Amino acid sequence: YALAVHGKMNLHVTNLYGTNAHHIVESVFKGLGHALRQAVAIEGNAD
């Protein structure tokens, strides 16, 4: 929540399934990393 507010982002995080808490949280942070990589990449009109 604090990251979304101060990063000024609309952030949706949904765990679709899983039983091991370590695995679930790890999938959240790996997924967040890849989603951020896509979002911050410069591929459009730089102007």
All heavy atoms as atom14 arrays in JSON, in Angstrom:
{
  "sequence": "YALAVHGKMNLHVTNLYGTNAHHIVESVFKGLGHALRQAVAIEGNAD",
  "atom14_mask": [
    [1, 1, 1, 1, 1, 1, 1, 1, 1, 1, 1, 1, 0, 0],
    [1, 1, 1, 1, 1, 0, 0, 0, 0, 0, 0, 0, 0, 0],
    [1, 1, 1, 1, 1, 1, 1, 1, 0, 0, 0, 0, 0, 0],
    [1, 1, 1, 1, 1, 0, 0, 0, 0, 0, 0, 0, 0, 0],
    [1, 1, 1, 1, 1, 1, 1, 0, 0, 0, 0, 0, 0, 0],
    [1, 1, 1, 1, 1, 1, 1, 1, 1, 1, 0, 0, 0, 0],
    [1, 1, 1, 1, 0, 0, 0, 0, 0, 0, 0, 0, 0, 0],
    [1, 1, 1, 1, 1, 1, 1, 1, 1, 0, 0, 0, 0, 0],
    [1, 1, 1, 1, 1, 1, 1, 1, 0, 0, 0, 0, 0, 0],
    [1, 1, 1, 1, 1, 1, 1, 1, 0, 0, 0, 0, 0, 0],
    [1, 1, 1, 1, 1, 1, 1, 1, 0, 0, 0, 0, 0, 0],
    [1, 1, 1, 1, 1, 1, 1, 1, 1, 1, 0, 0, 0, 0],
    [1, 1, 1, 1, 1, 1, 1, 0, 0, 0, 0, 0, 0, 0],
    [1, 1, 1, 1, 1, 1, 1, 0, 0, 0, 0, 0, 0, 0],
    [1, 1, 1, 1, 1, 1, 1, 1, 0, 0, 0, 0, 0, 0],
    [1, 1, 1, 1, 1, 1, 1, 1, 0, 0, 0, 0, 0, 0],
    [1, 1, 1, 1, 1, 1, 1, 1, 1, 1, 1, 1, 0, 0],
    [1, 1, 1, 1, 0, 0, 0, 0, 0, 0, 0, 0, 0, 0],
    [1, 1, 1, 1, 1, 1, 1, 0, 0, 0, 0, 0, 0, 0],
    [1, 1, 1, 1, 1, 1, 1, 1, 0, 0, 0, 0, 0, 0],
    [1, 1, 1, 1, 1, 0, 0, 0, 0, 0, 0, 0, 0, 0],
    [1, 1, 1, 1, 1, 1, 1, 1, 1, 1, 0, 0, 0, 0],
    [1, 1, 1, 1, 1, 1, 1, 1, 1, 1, 0, 0, 0, 0],
    [1, 1, 1, 1, 1, 1, 1, 1, 0, 0, 0, 0, 0, 0],
    [1, 1, 1, 1, 1, 1, 1, 0, 0, 0, 0, 0, 0, 0],
    [1, 1, 1, 1, 1, 1, 1, 1, 1, 0, 0, 0, 0, 0],
    [1, 1, 1, 1, 1, 1, 0, 0, 0, 0, 0, 0, 0, 0],
    [1, 1, 1, 1, 1, 1, 1, 0, 0, 0, 0, 0, 0, 0],
    [1, 1, 1, 1, 1, 1, 1, 1, 1, 1, 1, 0, 0, 0],
    [1, 1, 1, 1, 1, 1, 1, 1, 1, 0, 0, 0, 0, 0],
    [1, 1, 1, 1, 0, 0, 0, 0, 0, 0, 0, 0, 0, 0],
    [1, 1, 1, 1, 1, 1, 1, 1, 0, 0, 0, 0, 0, 0],
    [1, 1, 1, 1, 0, 0, 0, 0, 0, 0, 0, 0, 0, 0],
    [1, 1, 1, 1, 1, 1, 1, 1, 1, 1, 0, 0, 0, 0],
    [1, 1, 1, 1, 1, 0, 0, 0, 0, 0, 0, 0, 0, 0],
    [1, 1, 1, 1, 1, 1, 1, 1, 0, 0, 0, 0, 0, 0],
    [1, 1, 1, 1, 1, 1, 1, 1, 1, 1, 1, 0, 0, 0],
    [1, 1, 1, 1, 1, 1, 1, 1, 1, 0, 0, 0, 0, 0],
    [1, 1, 1, 1, 1, 0, 0, 0, 0, 0, 0, 0, 0, 0],
    [1, 1, 1, 1, 1, 1, 1, 0, 0, 0, 0, 0, 0, 0],
    [1, 1, 1, 1, 1, 0, 0, 0, 0, 0, 0, 0, 0, 0],
    [1, 1, 1, 1, 1, 1, 1, 1, 0, 0, 0, 0, 0, 0],
    [1, 1, 1, 1, 1, 1, 1, 1, 1, 0, 0, 0, 0, 0],
    [1, 1, 1, 1, 0, 0, 0, 0, 0, 0, 0, 0, 0, 0],
    [1, 1, 1, 1, 1, 1, 1, 1, 0, 0, 0, 0, 0, 0],
    [1, 1, 1, 1, 1, 0, 0, 0, 0, 0, 0, 0, 0, 0],
    [1, 1, 1, 1, 1, 1, 1, 1, 0, 0, 0, 0, 0, 0]
  ],
  "atom14_positions": [
    [[0.83, -1.21, 0.0], [0.0, 0.0, 0.0], [0.87, 1.26, 0.0], [0.66, 2.18, -0.81], [-0.93, 0.0, 1.21], [-1.74, 1.28, 1.32], [-2.86, 1.48, 0.52], [-1.38, 2.3, 2.2], [-3.6, 2.65, 0.6], [-2.1, 3.47, 2.29], [-3.21, 3.64, 1.48], [-3.93, 4.81, 1.55], [0.0, 0.0, 0.0], [0.0, 0.0, 0.0]],
    [[1.85, 1.31, 0.9], [2.73, 2.48, 0.96], [3.55, 2.62, -0.31], [3.79, 3.74, -0.79], [3.65, 2.38, 2.18], [0.0, 0.0, 0.0], [0.0, 0.0, 0.0], [0.0, 0.0, 0.0], [0.0, 0.0, 0.0], [0.0, 0.0, 0.0], [0.0, 0.0, 0.0], [0.0, 0.0, 0.0], [0.0, 0.0, 0.0], [0.0, 0.0, 0.0]],
    [[3.97, 1.5, -0.89], [4.71, 1.55, -2.15], [3.83, 2.1, -3.27], [4.28, 2.93, -4.08], [5.2, 0.15, -2.52], [6.0, 0.03, -3.81], [7.33, 0.79, -3.69], [6.26, -1.43, -4.16], [0.0, 0.0, 0.0], [0.0, 0.0, 0.0], [0.0, 0.0, 0.0], [0.0, 0.0, 0.0], [0.0, 0.0, 0.0], [0.0, 0.0, 0.0]],
    [[2.58, 1.66, -3.33], [1.66, 2.14, -4.37], [1.4, 3.64, -4.22], [1.4, 4.39, -5.21], [0.35, 1.37, -4.31], [0.0, 0.0, 0.0], [0.0, 0.0, 0.0], [0.0, 0.0, 0.0], [0.0, 0.0, 0.0], [0.0, 0.0, 0.0], [0.0, 0.0, 0.0], [0.0, 0.0, 0.0], [0.0, 0.0, 0.0], [0.0, 0.0, 0.0]],
    [[1.18, 4.09, -2.99], [0.88, 5.5, -2.76], [2.08, 6.38, -3.12], [1.94, 7.36, -3.86], [0.48, 5.73, -1.29], [0.42, 7.22, -0.98], [-0.88, 5.09, -1.01], [0.0, 0.0, 0.0], [0.0, 0.0, 0.0], [0.0, 0.0, 0.0], [0.0, 0.0, 0.0], [0.0, 0.0, 0.0], [0.0, 0.0, 0.0], [0.0, 0.0, 0.0]],
    [[3.26, 6.03, -2.63], [4.42, 6.88, -2.86], [5.07, 6.65, -4.22], [5.77, 7.53, -4.73], [5.41, 6.71, -1.72], [4.95, 7.35, -0.45], [5.35, 8.61, -0.06], [4.07, 6.93, 0.5], [4.75, 8.94, 1.06], [3.97, 7.93, 1.43], [0.0, 0.0, 0.0], [0.0, 0.0, 0.0], [0.0, 0.0, 0.0], [0.0, 0.0, 0.0]],
    [[4.81, 5.47, -4.81], [5.26, 5.23, -6.18], [4.24, 5.73, -7.19], [4.44, 5.61, -8.4], [0.0, 0.0, 0.0], [0.0, 0.0, 0.0], [0.0, 0.0, 0.0], [0.0, 0.0, 0.0], [0.0, 0.0, 0.0], [0.0, 0.0, 0.0], [0.0, 0.0, 0.0], [0.0, 0.0, 0.0], [0.0, 0.0, 0.0], [0.0, 0.0, 0.0]],
    [[3.12, 6.26, -6.71], [2.06, 6.85, -7.54], [1.61, 5.87, -8.62], [1.5, 6.23, -9.8], [2.52, 8.18, -8.14], [2.84, 9.22, -7.08], [3.22, 10.56, -7.68], [3.51, 11.58, -6.59], [3.88, 12.9, -7.13], [0.0, 0.0, 0.0], [0.0, 0.0, 0.0], [0.0, 0.0, 0.0], [0.0, 0.0, 0.0], [0.0, 0.0, 0.0]],
    [[1.34, 4.64, -8.18], [0.95, 3.6, -9.13], [-0.38, 2.98, -8.75], [-0.78, 2.96, -7.58], [2.01, 2.51, -9.19], [2.12, 1.66, -7.93], [3.38, 0.36, -8.04], [4.87, 1.35, -7.79], [0.0, 0.0, 0.0], [0.0, 0.0, 0.0], [0.0, 0.0, 0.0], [0.0, 0.0, 0.0], [0.0, 0.0, 0.0], [0.0, 0.0, 0.0]],
    [[-1.07, 2.48, -9.74], [-2.23, 1.63, -9.56], [-1.7, 0.21, -9.54], [-1.15, -0.27, -10.53], [-3.2, 1.86, -10.73], [-4.56, 1.26, -10.48], [-5.04, 0.48, -11.28], [-5.19, 1.65, -9.4], [0.0, 0.0, 0.0], [0.0, 0.0, 0.0], [0.0, 0.0, 0.0], [0.0, 0.0, 0.0], [0.0, 0.0, 0.0], [0.0, 0.0, 0.0]],
    [[-1.83, -0.48, -8.4], [-1.19, -1.78, -8.2], [-2.23, -2.82, -7.8], [-2.93, -2.66, -6.81], [-0.12, -1.65, -7.11], [0.6, -2.93, -6.66], [1.34, -3.58, -7.82], [1.57, -2.6, -5.52], [0.0, 0.0, 0.0], [0.0, 0.0, 0.0], [0.0, 0.0, 0.0], [0.0, 0.0, 0.0], [0.0, 0.0, 0.0], [0.0, 0.0, 0.0]],
    [[-2.33, -3.87, -8.61], [-3.24, -4.98, -8.33], [-2.41, -6.24, -8.11], [-1.65, -6.66, -8.99], [-4.2, -5.2, -9.51], [-5.16, -4.08, -9.72], [-6.52, -4.25, -9.65], [-4.96, -2.77, -10.0], [-7.13, -3.09, -9.88], [-6.2, -2.17, -10.1], [0.0, 0.0, 0.0], [0.0, 0.0, 0.0], [0.0, 0.0, 0.0], [0.0, 0.0, 0.0]],
    [[-2.56, -6.84, -6.93], [-1.82, -8.05, -6.58], [-2.81, -9.12, -6.18], [-3.54, -8.96, -5.19], [-0.82, -7.79, -5.43], [-0.05, -9.06, -5.1], [0.14, -6.65, -5.79], [0.0, 0.0, 0.0], [0.0, 0.0, 0.0], [0.0, 0.0, 0.0], [0.0, 0.0, 0.0], [0.0, 0.0, 0.0], [0.0, 0.0, 0.0], [0.0, 0.0, 0.0]],
    [[-2.85, -10.21, -6.93], [-3.8, -11.28, -6.69], [-3.07, -12.63, -6.66], [-2.45, -13.02, -7.65], [-4.88, -11.34, -7.78], [-5.51, -10.07, -7.88], [-5.92, -12.4, -7.45], [0.0, 0.0, 0.0], [0.0, 0.0, 0.0], [0.0, 0.0, 0.0], [0.0, 0.0, 0.0], [0.0, 0.0, 0.0], [0.0, 0.0, 0.0], [0.0, 0.0, 0.0]],
    [[-3.13, -13.29, -5.52], [-2.64, -14.66, -5.46], [-3.77, -15.58, -5.91], [-4.81, -15.67, -5.26], [-2.17, -15.03, -4.05], [-1.77, -16.48, -3.94], [-2.37, -17.23, -3.18], [-0.79, -16.9, -4.71], [0.0, 0.0, 0.0], [0.0, 0.0, 0.0], [0.0, 0.0, 0.0], [0.0, 0.0, 0.0], [0.0, 0.0, 0.0], [0.0, 0.0, 0.0]],
    [[-3.56, -16.25, -7.03], [-4.62, -17.08, -7.6], [-4.76, -18.4, -6.86], [-5.88, -18.9, -6.68], [-4.34, -17.32, -9.08], [-4.26, -16.02, -9.91], [-3.81, -16.31, -11.32], [-5.61, -15.32, -9.9], [0.0, 0.0, 0.0], [0.0, 0.0, 0.0], [0.0, 0.0, 0.0], [0.0, 0.0, 0.0], [0.0, 0.0, 0.0], [0.0, 0.0, 0.0]],
    [[-3.64, -18.96, -6.43], [-3.67, -20.14, -5.58], [-2.28, -20.41, -5.03], [-1.29, -19.83, -5.49], [-4.2, -21.38, -6.32], [-3.63, -21.6, -7.7], [-2.37, -22.18, -7.89], [-4.37, -21.25, -8.83], [-1.87, -22.4, -9.16], [-3.86, -21.46, -10.1], [-2.62, -22.04, -10.27], [-2.11, -22.25, -11.51], [0.0, 0.0, 0.0], [0.0, 0.0, 0.0]],
    [[-2.24, -21.27, -4.01], [-0.98, -21.61, -3.36], [-1.24, -21.98, -1.91], [-2.24, -21.56, -1.32], [0.0, 0.0, 0.0], [0.0, 0.0, 0.0], [0.0, 0.0, 0.0], [0.0, 0.0, 0.0], [0.0, 0.0, 0.0], [0.0, 0.0, 0.0], [0.0, 0.0, 0.0], [0.0, 0.0, 0.0], [0.0, 0.0, 0.0], [0.0, 0.0, 0.0]],
    [[-0.35, -22.77, -1.33], [-0.52, -23.2, 0.05], [0.65, -22.8, 0.94], [0.47, -22.57, 2.13], [-0.7, -24.73, 0.13], [0.43, -25.38, -0.51], [-1.98, -25.17, -0.58], [0.0, 0.0, 0.0], [0.0, 0.0, 0.0], [0.0, 0.0, 0.0], [0.0, 0.0, 0.0], [0.0, 0.0, 0.0], [0.0, 0.0, 0.0], [0.0, 0.0, 0.0]],
    [[1.85, -22.71, 0.38], [3.03, -22.4, 1.17], [3.23, -20.89, 1.19], [3.39, -20.25, 0.14], [4.25, -23.1, 0.56], [5.52, -22.86, 1.36], [6.06, -21.76, 1.35], [5.99, -23.88, 2.05], [0.0, 0.0, 0.0], [0.0, 0.0, 0.0], [0.0, 0.0, 0.0], [0.0, 0.0, 0.0], [0.0, 0.0, 0.0], [0.0, 0.0, 0.0]],
    [[3.21, -20.29, 2.39], [3.28, -18.84, 2.51], [4.57, -18.27, 1.92], [4.56, -17.2, 1.29], [3.14, -18.42, 3.97], [0.0, 0.0, 0.0], [0.0, 0.0, 0.0], [0.0, 0.0, 0.0], [0.0, 0.0, 0.0], [0.0, 0.0, 0.0], [0.0, 0.0, 0.0], [0.0, 0.0, 0.0], [0.0, 0.0, 0.0], [0.0, 0.0, 0.0]],
    [[5.68, -18.95, 2.13], [6.96, -18.49, 1.56], [6.85, -18.42, 0.04], [7.25, -17.42, -0.58], [8.07, -19.45, 1.98], [9.44, -19.03, 1.56], [10.51, -18.99, 2.43], [9.94, -18.61, 0.36], [11.59, -18.58, 1.78], [11.26, -18.35, 0.52], [0.0, 0.0, 0.0], [0.0, 0.0, 0.0], [0.0, 0.0, 0.0], [0.0, 0.0, 0.0]],
    [[6.3, -19.44, -0.56], [6.16, -19.47, -2.01], [5.23, -18.36, -2.51], [5.49, -17.72, -3.54], [5.62, -20.82, -2.47], [6.55, -21.96, -2.21], [6.15, -23.28, -2.27], [7.87, -21.98, -1.88], [7.18, -24.06, -1.99], [8.23, -23.3, -1.75], [0.0, 0.0, 0.0], [0.0, 0.0, 0.0], [0.0, 0.0, 0.0], [0.0, 0.0, 0.0]],
    [[4.14, -18.13, -1.78], [3.19, -17.1, -2.2], [3.83, -15.72, -2.17], [3.74, -14.96, -3.15], [1.93, -17.14, -1.29], [1.14, -18.41, -1.53], [1.04, -15.91, -1.56], [0.01, -18.65, -0.54], [0.0, 0.0, 0.0], [0.0, 0.0, 0.0], [0.0, 0.0, 0.0], [0.0, 0.0, 0.0], [0.0, 0.0, 0.0], [0.0, 0.0, 0.0]],
    [[4.49, -15.38, -1.07], [5.12, -14.06, -0.97], [6.24, -13.92, -2.0], [6.4, -12.87, -2.61], [5.64, -13.82, 0.46], [6.33, -12.46, 0.54], [4.51, -13.89, 1.47], [0.0, 0.0, 0.0], [0.0, 0.0, 0.0], [0.0, 0.0, 0.0], [0.0, 0.0, 0.0], [0.0, 0.0, 0.0], [0.0, 0.0, 0.0], [0.0, 0.0, 0.0]],
    [[6.98, -15.0, -2.22], [8.04, -14.94, -3.23], [7.46, -14.7, -4.62], [8.01, -13.92, -5.4], [8.84, -16.25, -3.2], [10.05, -16.22, -4.11], [11.06, -17.3, -3.79], [11.17, -17.69, -2.61], [11.76, -17.73, -4.72], [0.0, 0.0, 0.0], [0.0, 0.0, 0.0], [0.0, 0.0, 0.0], [0.0, 0.0, 0.0], [0.0, 0.0, 0.0]],
    [[6.34, -15.32, -4.91], [5.73, -15.08, -6.23], [5.22, -13.65, -6.35], [5.23, -13.07, -7.45], [4.59, -16.08, -6.48], [3.48, -15.86, -5.62], [0.0, 0.0, 0.0], [0.0, 0.0, 0.0], [0.0, 0.0, 0.0], [0.0, 0.0, 0.0], [0.0, 0.0, 0.0], [0.0, 0.0, 0.0], [0.0, 0.0, 0.0], [0.0, 0.0, 0.0]],
    [[4.82, -13.04, -5.24], [4.39, -11.63, -5.25], [5.58, -10.74, -5.63], [5.47, -9.87, -6.51], [3.82, -11.22, -3.88], [3.68, -9.69, -3.81], [2.48, -11.88, -3.63], [0.0, 0.0, 0.0], [0.0, 0.0, 0.0], [0.0, 0.0, 0.0], [0.0, 0.0, 0.0], [0.0, 0.0, 0.0], [0.0, 0.0, 0.0], [0.0, 0.0, 0.0]],
    [[6.72, -10.93, -4.99], [7.85, -10.03, -5.23], [8.51, -10.27, -6.59], [8.95, -9.32, -7.24], [8.86, -10.14, -4.09], [8.51, -9.28, -2.91], [7.66, -9.76, -1.92], [8.98, -7.98, -2.82], [7.31, -8.96, -0.85], [8.63, -7.17, -1.76], [7.79, -7.66, -0.77], [0.0, 0.0, 0.0], [0.0, 0.0, 0.0], [0.0, 0.0, 0.0]],
    [[8.57, -11.51, -7.02], [9.09, -11.76, -8.36], [8.16, -11.17, -9.42], [8.6, -10.55, -10.39], [9.25, -13.26, -8.6], [10.42, -13.89, -7.86], [10.47, -15.39, -8.14], [11.68, -16.04, -7.48], [11.7, -17.51, -7.69], [0.0, 0.0, 0.0], [0.0, 0.0, 0.0], [0.0, 0.0, 0.0], [0.0, 0.0, 0.0], [0.0, 0.0, 0.0]],
    [[6.84, -11.36, -9.21], [5.88, -10.79, -10.15], [5.92, -9.28, -10.15], [5.83, -8.64, -11.22], [0.0, 0.0, 0.0], [0.0, 0.0, 0.0], [0.0, 0.0, 0.0], [0.0, 0.0, 0.0], [0.0, 0.0, 0.0], [0.0, 0.0, 0.0], [0.0, 0.0, 0.0], [0.0, 0.0, 0.0], [0.0, 0.0, 0.0], [0.0, 0.0, 0.0]],
    [[6.07, -8.67, -8.97], [6.19, -7.21, -8.88], [7.41, -6.73, -9.64], [7.36, -5.72, -10.36], [6.27, -6.8, -7.41], [6.45, -5.31, -7.11], [5.29, -4.49, -7.64], [6.62, -5.09, -5.6], [0.0, 0.0, 0.0], [0.0, 0.0, 0.0], [0.0, 0.0, 0.0], [0.0, 0.0, 0.0], [0.0, 0.0, 0.0], [0.0, 0.0, 0.0]],
    [[8.52, -7.45, -9.5], [9.73, -7.07, -10.21], [9.54, -7.07, -11.71], [9.91, -6.11, -12.41], [0.0, 0.0, 0.0], [0.0, 0.0, 0.0], [0.0, 0.0, 0.0], [0.0, 0.0, 0.0], [0.0, 0.0, 0.0], [0.0, 0.0, 0.0], [0.0, 0.0, 0.0], [0.0, 0.0, 0.0], [0.0, 0.0, 0.0], [0.0, 0.0, 0.0]],
    [[8.95, -8.14, -12.24], [8.76, -8.24, -13.7], [7.75, -7.21, -14.2], [7.93, -6.64, -15.29], [8.33, -9.65, -14.08], [9.47, -10.62, -14.14], [10.3, -10.72, -15.23], [9.93, -11.49, -13.22], [11.22, -11.65, -15.0], [11.02, -12.13, -13.78], [0.0, 0.0, 0.0], [0.0, 0.0, 0.0], [0.0, 0.0, 0.0], [0.0, 0.0, 0.0]],
    [[6.68, -6.98, -13.44], [5.7, -5.97, -13.85], [6.32, -4.58, -13.86], [6.07, -3.77, -14.77], [4.48, -6.02, -12.93], [0.0, 0.0, 0.0], [0.0, 0.0, 0.0], [0.0, 0.0, 0.0], [0.0, 0.0, 0.0], [0.0, 0.0, 0.0], [0.0, 0.0, 0.0], [0.0, 0.0, 0.0], [0.0, 0.0, 0.0], [0.0, 0.0, 0.0]],
    [[7.14, -4.28, -12.86], [7.84, -2.99, -12.84], [8.81, -2.86, -14.01], [8.93, -1.8, -14.62], [8.59, -2.81, -11.53], [7.79, -2.28, -10.34], [8.61, -2.36, -9.06], [7.32, -0.84, -10.59], [0.0, 0.0, 0.0], [0.0, 0.0, 0.0], [0.0, 0.0, 0.0], [0.0, 0.0, 0.0], [0.0, 0.0, 0.0], [0.0, 0.0, 0.0]],
    [[9.53, -3.94, -14.31], [10.48, -3.92, -15.43], [9.76, -3.5, -16.72], [10.26, -2.69, -17.5], [11.11, -5.3, -15.61], [12.09, -5.39, -16.78], [12.39, -6.83, -17.11], [13.27, -7.45, -16.13], [14.59, -7.56, -16.26], [15.18, -7.07, -17.33], [15.31, -8.16, -15.33], [0.0, 0.0, 0.0], [0.0, 0.0, 0.0], [0.0, 0.0, 0.0]],
    [[8.58, -4.08, -16.95], [7.8, -3.74, -18.14], [7.33, -2.29, -18.1], [7.41, -1.57, -19.1], [6.59, -4.66, -18.25], [6.91, -6.12, -18.47], [5.67, -6.98, -18.36], [4.54, -6.51, -18.53], [5.86, -8.25, -18.03], [0.0, 0.0, 0.0], [0.0, 0.0, 0.0], [0.0, 0.0, 0.0], [0.0, 0.0, 0.0], [0.0, 0.0, 0.0]],
    [[6.8, -1.87, -16.95], [6.17, -0.56, -16.85], [7.16, 0.59, -17.0], [6.83, 1.63, -17.59], [5.42, -0.44, -15.53], [0.0, 0.0, 0.0], [0.0, 0.0, 0.0], [0.0, 0.0, 0.0], [0.0, 0.0, 0.0], [0.0, 0.0, 0.0], [0.0, 0.0, 0.0], [0.0, 0.0, 0.0], [0.0, 0.0, 0.0], [0.0, 0.0, 0.0]],
    [[8.37, 0.44, -16.47], [9.33, 1.55, -16.51], [10.15, 1.57, -17.79], [10.85, 2.55, -18.08], [10.3, 1.53, -15.3], [9.53, 1.51, -13.99], [11.28, 0.36, -15.38], [0.0, 0.0, 0.0], [0.0, 0.0, 0.0], [0.0, 0.0, 0.0], [0.0, 0.0, 0.0], [0.0, 0.0, 0.0], [0.0, 0.0, 0.0], [0.0, 0.0, 0.0]],
    [[10.08, 0.49, -18.59], [10.88, 0.42, -19.81], [10.5, 1.53, -20.78], [9.33, 1.86, -20.95], [10.7, -0.94, -20.48], [0.0, 0.0, 0.0], [0.0, 0.0, 0.0], [0.0, 0.0, 0.0], [0.0, 0.0, 0.0], [0.0, 0.0, 0.0], [0.0, 0.0, 0.0], [0.0, 0.0, 0.0], [0.0, 0.0, 0.0], [0.0, 0.0, 0.0]],
    [[11.5, 2.1, -21.41], [11.27, 3.17, -22.4], [11.19, 2.53, -23.78], [12.2, 2.12, -24.34], [12.4, 4.22, -22.37], [12.43, 4.88, -21.0], [12.2, 5.25, -23.47], [13.55, 5.88, -20.83], [0.0, 0.0, 0.0], [0.0, 0.0, 0.0], [0.0, 0.0, 0.0], [0.0, 0.0, 0.0], [0.0, 0.0, 0.0], [0.0, 0.0, 0.0]],
    [[9.99, 2.44, -24.31], [9.79, 1.85, -25.62], [8.87, 2.69, -26.5], [8.66, 2.39, -27.66], [9.24, 0.43, -25.48], [10.22, -0.53, -24.8], [9.69, -1.94, -24.71], [8.55, -2.17, -25.15], [10.41, -2.81, -24.2], [0.0, 0.0, 0.0], [0.0, 0.0, 0.0], [0.0, 0.0, 0.0], [0.0, 0.0, 0.0], [0.0, 0.0, 0.0]],
    [[8.31, 3.74, -25.92], [7.4, 4.59, -26.67], [8.09, 5.85, -27.17], [9.32, 5.92, -27.28], [0.0, 0.0, 0.0], [0.0, 0.0, 0.0], [0.0, 0.0, 0.0], [0.0, 0.0, 0.0], [0.0, 0.0, 0.0], [0.0, 0.0, 0.0], [0.0, 0.0, 0.0], [0.0, 0.0, 0.0], [0.0, 0.0, 0.0], [0.0, 0.0, 0.0]],
    [[7.29, 6.85, -27.47], [7.8, 8.14, -27.92], [8.47, 8.84, -26.75], [7.81, 9.19, -25.77], [6.63, 8.98, -28.46], [7.09, 10.31, -29.03], [8.22, 10.74, -28.8], [6.22, 10.95, -29.79], [0.0, 0.0, 0.0], [0.0, 0.0, 0.0], [0.0, 0.0, 0.0], [0.0, 0.0, 0.0], [0.0, 0.0, 0.0], [0.0, 0.0, 0.0]],
    [[9.78, 9.04, -26.84], [10.55, 9.61, -25.73], [10.2, 11.07, -25.48], [10.66, 11.65, -24.49], [12.04, 9.47, -26.0], [0.0, 0.0, 0.0], [0.0, 0.0, 0.0], [0.0, 0.0, 0.0], [0.0, 0.0, 0.0], [0.0, 0.0, 0.0], [0.0, 0.0, 0.0], [0.0, 0.0, 0.0], [0.0, 0.0, 0.0], [0.0, 0.0, 0.0]],
    [[9.38, 11.68, -26.33], [9.0, 13.08, -26.17], [7.59, 13.25, -25.6], [7.11, 14.37, -25.45], [9.08, 13.82, -27.51], [10.51, 13.89, -28.03], [11.44, 14.07, -27.2], [10.7, 13.75, -29.25], [0.0, 0.0, 0.0], [0.0, 0.0, 0.0], [0.0, 0.0, 0.0], [0.0, 0.0, 0.0], [0.0, 0.0, 0.0], [0.0, 0.0, 0.0]]
  ]
}
